[in-house]
PDB file of all heavy atoms in Angstrom:
ATOM      1  N   LEU A   1      -4.236   0.614 -18.281  1.00  0.00           N
ATOM      2  CA  LEU A   1      -3.706   0.139 -16.974  1.00  0.00           C
ATOM      3  C   LEU A   1      -3.047   1.353 -16.181  1.00  0.00           C
ATOM      4  O   LEU A   1      -3.399   1.427 -14.957  1.00  0.00           O
ATOM      5  CB  LEU A   1      -2.742  -1.024 -17.220  1.00  0.00           C
ATOM      6  CG  LEU A   1      -3.235  -2.267 -17.845  1.00  0.00           C
ATOM      7  CD1 LEU A   1      -2.124  -3.389 -17.759  1.00  0.00           C
ATOM      8  CD2 LEU A   1      -4.398  -2.720 -17.031  1.00  0.00           C
ATOM      9  N   THR A   2      -2.270   2.094 -16.772  1.00  0.00           N
ATOM     10  CA  THR A   2      -1.587   3.096 -16.023  1.00  0.00           C
ATOM     11  C   THR A   2      -2.591   4.201 -15.659  1.00  0.00           C
ATOM     12  O   THR A   2      -2.419   4.829 -14.579  1.00  0.00           O
ATOM     13  CB  THR A   2      -0.372   3.718 -16.865  1.00  0.00           C
ATOM     14  OG1 THR A   2      -0.858   4.229 -18.153  1.00  0.00           O
ATOM     15  CG2 THR A   2       0.649   2.686 -17.032  1.00  0.00           C
ATOM     16  N   THR A   3      -3.595   4.517 -16.549  1.00  0.00           N
ATOM     17  CA  THR A   3      -4.504   5.618 -16.212  1.00  0.00           C
ATOM     18  C   THR A   3      -5.497   5.020 -15.071  1.00  0.00           C
ATOM     19  O   THR A   3      -5.744   5.813 -14.148  1.00  0.00           O
ATOM     20  CB  THR A   3      -5.393   5.973 -17.467  1.00  0.00           C
ATOM     21  OG1 THR A   3      -4.510   6.396 -18.413  1.00  0.00           O
ATOM     22  CG2 THR A   3      -6.426   7.078 -17.071  1.00  0.00           C
ATOM     23  N   LEU A   4      -5.766   3.821 -15.097  1.00  0.00           N
ATOM     24  CA  LEU A   4      -6.624   3.320 -14.092  1.00  0.00           C
ATOM     25  C   LEU A   4      -5.830   3.172 -12.720  1.00  0.00           C
ATOM     26  O   LEU A   4      -6.362   3.564 -11.641  1.00  0.00           O
ATOM     27  CB  LEU A   4      -6.988   1.709 -14.384  1.00  0.00           C
ATOM     28  CG  LEU A   4      -7.762   0.942 -13.374  1.00  0.00           C
ATOM     29  CD1 LEU A   4      -9.121   1.686 -13.140  1.00  0.00           C
ATOM     30  CD2 LEU A   4      -8.048  -0.441 -14.017  1.00  0.00           C
ATOM     31  N   PHE A   5      -4.588   2.964 -12.754  1.00  0.00           N
ATOM     32  CA  PHE A   5      -3.701   3.013 -11.559  1.00  0.00           C
ATOM     33  C   PHE A   5      -3.734   4.444 -10.998  1.00  0.00           C
ATOM     34  O   PHE A   5      -3.773   4.696  -9.852  1.00  0.00           O
ATOM     35  CB  PHE A   5      -2.253   2.619 -11.925  1.00  0.00           C
ATOM     36  CG  PHE A   5      -1.291   2.835 -10.976  1.00  0.00           C
ATOM     37  CD1 PHE A   5      -1.047   2.072  -9.864  1.00  0.00           C
ATOM     38  CD2 PHE A   5      -0.497   4.036 -10.955  1.00  0.00           C
ATOM     39  CE1 PHE A   5      -0.141   2.289  -8.784  1.00  0.00           C
ATOM     40  CE2 PHE A   5       0.492   4.393 -10.003  1.00  0.00           C
ATOM     41  CZ  PHE A   5       0.680   3.466  -8.918  1.00  0.00           C
ATOM     42  N   SER A   6      -3.621   5.440 -11.933  1.00  0.00           N
ATOM     43  CA  SER A   6      -3.575   6.875 -11.500  1.00  0.00           C
ATOM     44  C   SER A   6      -4.880   7.245 -10.738  1.00  0.00           C
ATOM     45  O   SER A   6      -4.885   7.876  -9.727  1.00  0.00           O
ATOM     46  CB  SER A   6      -3.332   7.772 -12.583  1.00  0.00           C
ATOM     47  OG  SER A   6      -2.135   7.546 -13.179  1.00  0.00           O
ATOM     48  N   PHE A   7      -6.095   6.832 -11.278  1.00  0.00           N
ATOM     49  CA  PHE A   7      -7.319   7.084 -10.634  1.00  0.00           C
ATOM     50  C   PHE A   7      -7.429   6.314  -9.323  1.00  0.00           C
ATOM     51  O   PHE A   7      -8.030   6.914  -8.352  1.00  0.00           O
ATOM     52  CB  PHE A   7      -8.465   6.651 -11.579  1.00  0.00           C
ATOM     53  CG  PHE A   7      -8.669   7.506 -12.806  1.00  0.00           C
ATOM     54  CD1 PHE A   7      -9.057   6.924 -13.951  1.00  0.00           C
ATOM     55  CD2 PHE A   7      -8.366   8.844 -12.741  1.00  0.00           C
ATOM     56  CE1 PHE A   7      -9.154   7.676 -15.129  1.00  0.00           C
ATOM     57  CE2 PHE A   7      -8.469   9.628 -13.831  1.00  0.00           C
ATOM     58  CZ  PHE A   7      -8.952   9.070 -15.088  1.00  0.00           C
ATOM     59  N   GLU A   8      -6.936   5.151  -9.147  1.00  0.00           N
ATOM     60  CA  GLU A   8      -6.988   4.436  -7.984  1.00  0.00           C
ATOM     61  C   GLU A   8      -6.143   5.078  -6.930  1.00  0.00           C
ATOM     62  O   GLU A   8      -6.493   5.166  -5.722  1.00  0.00           O
ATOM     63  CB  GLU A   8      -6.478   2.926  -8.186  1.00  0.00           C
ATOM     64  CG  GLU A   8      -7.504   2.110  -9.087  1.00  0.00           C
ATOM     65  CD  GLU A   8      -6.954   0.757  -9.405  1.00  0.00           C
ATOM     66  OE1 GLU A   8      -5.679   0.608  -9.482  1.00  0.00           O
ATOM     67  OE2 GLU A   8      -7.693  -0.144  -9.656  1.00  0.00           O
ATOM     68  N   ARG A   9      -4.864   5.644  -7.350  1.00  0.00           N
ATOM     69  CA  ARG A   9      -4.069   6.191  -6.471  1.00  0.00           C
ATOM     70  C   ARG A   9      -4.661   7.480  -5.891  1.00  0.00           C
ATOM     71  O   ARG A   9      -4.297   7.966  -4.768  1.00  0.00           O
ATOM     72  CB  ARG A   9      -2.672   6.467  -7.077  1.00  0.00           C
ATOM     73  CG  ARG A   9      -1.598   6.981  -6.043  1.00  0.00           C
ATOM     74  CD  ARG A   9      -0.260   6.909  -6.767  1.00  0.00           C
ATOM     75  NE  ARG A   9      -0.174   7.739  -7.955  1.00  0.00           N
ATOM     76  CZ  ARG A   9       0.894   7.960  -8.707  1.00  0.00           C
ATOM     77  NH1 ARG A   9       2.002   7.313  -8.348  1.00  0.00           N
ATOM     78  NH2 ARG A   9       0.854   8.619  -9.786  1.00  0.00           N
ATOM     79  N   GLU A  10      -5.437   8.160  -6.684  1.00  0.00           N
ATOM     80  CA  GLU A  10      -6.016   9.547  -6.237  1.00  0.00           C
ATOM     81  C   GLU A  10      -6.852   9.322  -4.860  1.00  0.00           C
ATOM     82  O   GLU A  10      -6.994  10.249  -4.182  1.00  0.00           O
ATOM     83  CB  GLU A  10      -6.956   9.905  -7.251  1.00  0.00           C
ATOM     84  CG  GLU A  10      -6.239  10.691  -8.482  1.00  0.00           C
ATOM     85  CD  GLU A  10      -7.241  11.235  -9.518  1.00  0.00           C
ATOM     86  OE1 GLU A  10      -8.510  11.002  -9.315  1.00  0.00           O
ATOM     87  OE2 GLU A  10      -6.905  11.785 -10.469  1.00  0.00           O
ATOM     88  N   GLY A  11      -7.364   8.141  -4.745  1.00  0.00           N
ATOM     89  CA  GLY A  11      -8.201   7.924  -3.607  1.00  0.00           C
ATOM     90  C   GLY A  11      -7.542   7.434  -2.331  1.00  0.00           C
ATOM     91  O   GLY A  11      -8.102   7.293  -1.296  1.00  0.00           O
ATOM     92  N   LEU A  12      -6.178   7.346  -2.354  1.00  0.00           N
ATOM     93  CA  LEU A  12      -5.417   6.885  -1.191  1.00  0.00           C
ATOM     94  C   LEU A  12      -5.273   7.931  -0.182  1.00  0.00           C
ATOM     95  O   LEU A  12      -5.071   9.075  -0.545  1.00  0.00           O
ATOM     96  CB  LEU A  12      -3.959   6.452  -1.617  1.00  0.00           C
ATOM     97  CG  LEU A  12      -3.892   5.207  -2.527  1.00  0.00           C
ATOM     98  CD1 LEU A  12      -2.344   4.842  -2.638  1.00  0.00           C
ATOM     99  CD2 LEU A  12      -4.670   4.035  -1.981  1.00  0.00           C
ATOM    100  N   ALA A  13      -5.423   7.628   1.032  1.00  0.00           N
ATOM    101  CA  ALA A  13      -5.381   8.514   2.167  1.00  0.00           C
ATOM    102  C   ALA A  13      -5.128   7.801   3.417  1.00  0.00           C
ATOM    103  O   ALA A  13      -5.712   6.799   3.697  1.00  0.00           O
ATOM    104  CB  ALA A  13      -6.616   9.404   2.317  1.00  0.00           C
ATOM    105  N   ALA A  14      -4.142   8.299   4.154  1.00  0.00           N
ATOM    106  CA  ALA A  14      -3.803   7.740   5.462  1.00  0.00           C
ATOM    107  C   ALA A  14      -2.954   8.770   6.271  1.00  0.00           C
ATOM    108  O   ALA A  14      -2.179   9.612   5.675  1.00  0.00           O
ATOM    109  CB  ALA A  14      -3.044   6.444   5.249  1.00  0.00           C
ATOM    110  N   GLU A  15      -3.056   8.725   7.654  1.00  0.00           N
ATOM    111  CA  GLU A  15      -2.351   9.672   8.368  1.00  0.00           C
ATOM    112  C   GLU A  15      -0.960   9.114   8.720  1.00  0.00           C
ATOM    113  O   GLU A  15      -0.033   9.969   9.003  1.00  0.00           O
ATOM    114  CB  GLU A  15      -3.037   9.765   9.746  1.00  0.00           C
ATOM    115  CG  GLU A  15      -4.395  10.534   9.527  1.00  0.00           C
ATOM    116  CD  GLU A  15      -5.084  10.800  10.866  1.00  0.00           C
ATOM    117  OE1 GLU A  15      -4.457  10.503  11.931  1.00  0.00           O
ATOM    118  OE2 GLU A  15      -6.210  11.408  10.788  1.00  0.00           O
ATOM    119  N   ARG A  16      -0.626   7.829   8.679  1.00  0.00           N
ATOM    120  CA  ARG A  16       0.608   7.259   8.945  1.00  0.00           C
ATOM    121  C   ARG A  16       1.339   6.899   7.657  1.00  0.00           C
ATOM    122  O   ARG A  16       0.774   6.307   6.744  1.00  0.00           O
ATOM    123  CB  ARG A  16       0.430   6.104   9.942  1.00  0.00           C
ATOM    124  CG  ARG A  16      -0.188   6.517  11.308  1.00  0.00           C
ATOM    125  CD  ARG A  16      -0.333   5.154  12.102  1.00  0.00           C
ATOM    126  NE  ARG A  16       1.115   4.694  12.425  1.00  0.00           N
ATOM    127  CZ  ARG A  16       1.765   5.125  13.499  1.00  0.00           C
ATOM    128  NH1 ARG A  16       1.327   6.126  14.238  1.00  0.00           N
ATOM    129  NH2 ARG A  16       2.902   4.543  13.745  1.00  0.00           N
ATOM    130  N   VAL A  17       2.652   7.136   7.683  1.00  0.00           N
ATOM    131  CA  VAL A  17       3.509   6.916   6.439  1.00  0.00           C
ATOM    132  C   VAL A  17       3.436   5.397   6.089  1.00  0.00           C
ATOM    133  O   VAL A  17       3.268   5.061   4.971  1.00  0.00           O
ATOM    134  CB  VAL A  17       4.931   7.284   6.685  1.00  0.00           C
ATOM    135  CG1 VAL A  17       5.908   6.901   5.502  1.00  0.00           C
ATOM    136  CG2 VAL A  17       4.945   8.935   6.748  1.00  0.00           C
ATOM    137  N   GLU A  18       3.605   4.584   7.106  1.00  0.00           N
ATOM    138  CA  GLU A  18       3.739   3.061   6.808  1.00  0.00           C
ATOM    139  C   GLU A  18       2.425   2.597   6.262  1.00  0.00           C
ATOM    140  O   GLU A  18       2.457   1.688   5.446  1.00  0.00           O
ATOM    141  CB  GLU A  18       4.040   2.354   8.094  1.00  0.00           C
ATOM    142  CG  GLU A  18       3.033   2.399   9.286  1.00  0.00           C
ATOM    143  CD  GLU A  18       3.459   3.560  10.201  1.00  0.00           C
ATOM    144  OE1 GLU A  18       4.161   4.487   9.723  1.00  0.00           O
ATOM    145  OE2 GLU A  18       3.169   3.461  11.368  1.00  0.00           O
ATOM    146  N   VAL A  19       1.260   3.166   6.646  1.00  0.00           N
ATOM    147  CA  VAL A  19      -0.026   2.695   6.213  1.00  0.00           C
ATOM    148  C   VAL A  19      -0.113   3.182   4.613  1.00  0.00           C
ATOM    149  O   VAL A  19      -0.668   2.462   3.719  1.00  0.00           O
ATOM    150  CB  VAL A  19      -1.154   3.287   6.945  1.00  0.00           C
ATOM    151  CG1 VAL A  19      -2.514   2.924   6.326  1.00  0.00           C
ATOM    152  CG2 VAL A  19      -1.095   2.771   8.393  1.00  0.00           C
ATOM    153  N   LEU A  20       0.083   4.404   4.420  1.00  0.00           N
ATOM    154  CA  LEU A  20       0.073   4.934   3.079  1.00  0.00           C
ATOM    155  C   LEU A  20       1.000   4.292   2.171  1.00  0.00           C
ATOM    156  O   LEU A  20       0.680   3.855   0.920  1.00  0.00           O
ATOM    157  CB  LEU A  20       0.477   6.491   2.957  1.00  0.00           C
ATOM    158  CG  LEU A  20       0.284   7.138   1.659  1.00  0.00           C
ATOM    159  CD1 LEU A  20      -1.219   7.060   1.129  1.00  0.00           C
ATOM    160  CD2 LEU A  20       0.704   8.563   1.839  1.00  0.00           C
ATOM    161  N   ALA A  21       2.317   3.871   2.614  1.00  0.00           N
ATOM    162  CA  ALA A  21       3.148   3.133   1.802  1.00  0.00           C
ATOM    163  C   ALA A  21       2.634   1.721   1.509  1.00  0.00           C
ATOM    164  O   ALA A  21       2.795   1.170   0.546  1.00  0.00           O
ATOM    165  CB  ALA A  21       4.586   3.092   2.584  1.00  0.00           C
ATOM    166  N   GLY A  22       2.046   1.107   2.528  1.00  0.00           N
ATOM    167  CA  GLY A  22       1.474  -0.230   2.379  1.00  0.00           C
ATOM    168  C   GLY A  22       0.430  -0.191   1.265  1.00  0.00           C
ATOM    169  O   GLY A  22       0.284  -1.114   0.447  1.00  0.00           O
ATOM    170  N   LEU A  23      -0.460   0.763   1.315  1.00  0.00           N
ATOM    171  CA  LEU A  23      -1.548   0.925   0.328  1.00  0.00           C
ATOM    172  C   LEU A  23      -0.937   1.127  -1.133  1.00  0.00           C
ATOM    173  O   LEU A  23      -1.324   0.562  -2.125  1.00  0.00           O
ATOM    174  CB  LEU A  23      -2.561   2.113   0.694  1.00  0.00           C
ATOM    175  CG  LEU A  23      -3.309   1.892   2.019  1.00  0.00           C
ATOM    176  CD1 LEU A  23      -4.051   3.243   2.209  1.00  0.00           C
ATOM    177  CD2 LEU A  23      -4.330   0.813   1.787  1.00  0.00           C
ATOM    178  N   THR A  24       0.135   1.950  -1.160  1.00  0.00           N
ATOM    179  CA  THR A  24       0.757   2.210  -2.476  1.00  0.00           C
ATOM    180  C   THR A  24       1.388   0.929  -3.006  1.00  0.00           C
ATOM    181  O   THR A  24       1.303   0.666  -4.263  1.00  0.00           O
ATOM    182  CB  THR A  24       1.902   3.296  -2.251  1.00  0.00           C
ATOM    183  OG1 THR A  24       1.208   4.437  -1.704  1.00  0.00           O
ATOM    184  CG2 THR A  24       2.557   3.564  -3.583  1.00  0.00           C
ATOM    185  N   ALA A  25       1.997   0.164  -2.102  1.00  0.00           N
ATOM    186  CA  ALA A  25       2.479  -1.142  -2.539  1.00  0.00           C
ATOM    187  C   ALA A  25       1.463  -2.030  -3.089  1.00  0.00           C
ATOM    188  O   ALA A  25       1.637  -2.809  -4.106  1.00  0.00           O
ATOM    189  CB  ALA A  25       3.188  -1.812  -1.363  1.00  0.00           C
ATOM    190  N   GLY A  26       0.327  -2.074  -2.547  1.00  0.00           N
ATOM    191  CA  GLY A  26      -0.828  -2.860  -2.956  1.00  0.00           C
ATOM    192  C   GLY A  26      -1.223  -2.442  -4.364  1.00  0.00           C
ATOM    193  O   GLY A  26      -1.523  -3.314  -5.232  1.00  0.00           O
ATOM    194  N   LEU A  27      -1.275  -1.131  -4.570  1.00  0.00           N
ATOM    195  CA  LEU A  27      -1.676  -0.692  -6.030  1.00  0.00           C
ATOM    196  C   LEU A  27      -0.623  -1.040  -6.985  1.00  0.00           C
ATOM    197  O   LEU A  27      -1.002  -1.443  -8.147  1.00  0.00           O
ATOM    198  CB  LEU A  27      -1.820   0.868  -5.933  1.00  0.00           C
ATOM    199  CG  LEU A  27      -3.076   1.344  -5.313  1.00  0.00           C
ATOM    200  CD1 LEU A  27      -3.127   2.907  -5.400  1.00  0.00           C
ATOM    201  CD2 LEU A  27      -4.286   0.665  -5.754  1.00  0.00           C
TER     202      LEU A  27
END
């Protein structure tokens, strides 16, 4: 689970902090 989470987080990208934080919350 934690390794899968790490691989999923590698693909996160956003220009705005609130968008990136929202994606992180979703993960």
